[in-house]
């Protein structure tokens, strides 16, 4: 059984397993609105995690490209013009902030 609160339009705004003062009704766990509430919450959490992971991977890829170009494995000019422009923008922004230092914590271990 879940305790729920609804807005003026009847939409769920809060769902809790324990009773709370603002709860206006209870619904069983198998109720379609409860199922939809938790499915949406799981989806939002997953999307937030994916977005954070994307930001972290951008840093990894940026560092990888920098290493490969500094070792002569690839040249920036091997990349499409749009990618070159984005890399140059990021390089300038990172240099303004002090270069590549402090992007990865010294305490991090293991491989990428």
Protein backbone atom coordinates (compact mmCIF):
# COMPACT_ATOMS: atom_id res chain seq x y z
CA UNK A 1 0.00 0.00 0.00
CA UNK A 2 1.31 3.46 -0.93
CA UNK A 3 0.29 6.84 0.43
CA UNK A 4 -0.20 9.42 -2.28
CA UNK A 5 -0.81 13.13 -2.71
CA UNK A 6 -2.45 14.61 -5.78
CA UNK A 7 -2.42 18.09 -7.29
CA UNK A 8 -5.53 20.09 -8.22
CA UNK A 9 -5.75 18.25 -11.56
CA UNK A 10 -5.68 14.85 -9.83
CA UNK A 11 -2.12 13.98 -10.88
CA UNK A 12 0.18 12.24 -8.43
CA UNK A 13 2.74 14.64 -6.97
CA UNK A 14 4.10 12.48 -4.16
CA UNK A 15 4.16 8.75 -3.44
CA UNK A 16 5.54 7.25 -0.24
CA UNK A 17 5.53 3.80 1.34
CA UNK A 18 5.01 5.33 4.79
CA UNK A 19 2.15 7.57 5.86
CA UNK A 20 2.71 11.34 5.80
CA UNK A 21 0.53 14.30 6.76
CA UNK A 22 -0.19 15.53 3.21
CA UNK A 23 -1.29 12.11 1.90
CA UNK A 24 -4.81 12.25 0.54
CA UNK A 25 -5.35 8.56 -0.26
CA UNK A 26 -3.73 5.16 -0.48
CA UNK A 27 -3.24 2.99 -3.54
CA UNK A 28 -2.15 -0.65 -3.84
CA UNK A 29 1.30 -1.42 -5.21
CA UNK A 30 -0.17 -2.95 -8.37
CA UNK A 31 -2.28 0.13 -9.20
CA UNK A 32 -1.44 1.46 -12.67
CA UNK A 33 -0.67 4.96 -11.34
CA UNK A 34 1.84 3.59 -8.82
CA UNK A 35 3.46 1.46 -11.51
CA UNK A 36 3.70 4.46 -13.84
CA UNK A 37 5.08 6.69 -11.05
CA UNK A 38 7.95 4.32 -10.26
CA UNK A 39 8.62 3.50 -13.93
CA UNK A 40 8.96 7.23 -14.61
CA UNK A 41 11.24 7.68 -11.57
CA UNK A 42 13.49 4.82 -12.70
CA UNK A 43 13.61 6.30 -16.21
CA UNK A 44 14.55 9.76 -14.90
CA UNK A 45 17.28 8.31 -12.67
CA UNK A 46 18.67 6.28 -15.57
CA UNK A 47 18.65 9.29 -17.88
CA UNK A 48 20.48 11.41 -15.26
CA UNK A 49 23.09 8.69 -14.83
CA UNK A 50 23.53 8.39 -18.57
CA UNK A 51 23.89 12.16 -18.96
CA UNK A 52 26.56 12.26 -16.24
CA UNK A 53 28.34 9.31 -17.85
CA UNK A 54 28.26 11.13 -21.20
CA UNK A 55 29.94 14.16 -19.65
CA UNK A 56 32.62 11.97 -18.11
CA UNK A 57 33.19 10.11 -21.38
CA UNK A 58 33.59 13.39 -23.24
CA UNK A 59 36.51 14.17 -20.94
CA UNK A 60 38.02 10.72 -21.53
CA UNK A 61 37.70 11.04 -25.30
CA UNK A 62 39.08 14.57 -25.23
CA UNK A 63 42.11 13.36 -23.26
CA UNK A 64 42.53 10.37 -25.58
CA UNK A 65 42.53 12.57 -28.67
CA UNK A 66 45.07 14.88 -27.04
CA UNK A 67 47.36 11.94 -26.22
CA UNK A 68 47.04 10.41 -29.70
CA UNK A 69 47.79 13.71 -31.40
CA UNK A 70 50.72 14.50 -29.10
CA UNK A 71 52.23 11.05 -29.88
CA UNK A 72 51.70 11.56 -33.61
CA UNK A 73 49.29 8.64 -33.96
CA UNK A 74 46.65 10.89 -35.50
CA UNK A 75 46.56 14.49 -36.60
CA UNK A 76 43.78 16.89 -35.81
CA UNK A 77 43.48 17.46 -39.56
CA UNK A 78 42.55 13.75 -39.95
CA UNK A 79 39.24 14.58 -38.29
CA UNK A 80 36.23 16.19 -39.99
CA UNK A 81 36.20 20.02 -39.94
CA UNK A 82 33.34 20.18 -37.43
CA UNK A 83 35.24 17.91 -35.02
CA UNK A 84 38.40 20.01 -35.50
CA UNK A 85 36.51 23.18 -34.61
CA UNK A 86 35.00 21.61 -31.48
CA UNK A 87 38.37 20.27 -30.37
CA UNK A 88 40.01 23.65 -30.87
CA UNK A 89 37.27 25.34 -28.83
CA UNK A 90 37.71 22.80 -26.02
CA UNK A 91 41.50 23.07 -26.16
CA UNK A 92 41.33 26.86 -25.83
CA UNK A 93 38.85 26.63 -22.96
CA UNK A 94 40.95 24.04 -21.13
CA UNK A 95 44.13 26.06 -21.61
CA UNK A 96 42.37 29.07 -20.14
CA UNK A 97 41.58 26.89 -17.10
CA UNK A 98 45.10 25.53 -16.71
CA UNK A 99 45.44 22.75 -19.23
CA UNK A 100 44.87 19.06 -18.64
CA UNK A 101 45.82 18.96 -14.98
CA UNK A 102 43.30 17.99 -12.31
CA UNK A 103 40.82 16.38 -14.70
CA UNK A 104 41.16 13.00 -13.04
CA UNK A 105 41.55 12.64 -9.29
CA UNK A 106 44.96 11.44 -8.16
CA UNK A 107 43.18 8.82 -6.05
CA UNK A 108 41.50 7.17 -9.06
CA UNK A 109 43.02 3.83 -9.94
CA UNK A 110 42.67 1.28 -12.68
CA UNK A 111 42.30 1.55 -16.40
CA UNK A 112 39.74 3.60 -18.28
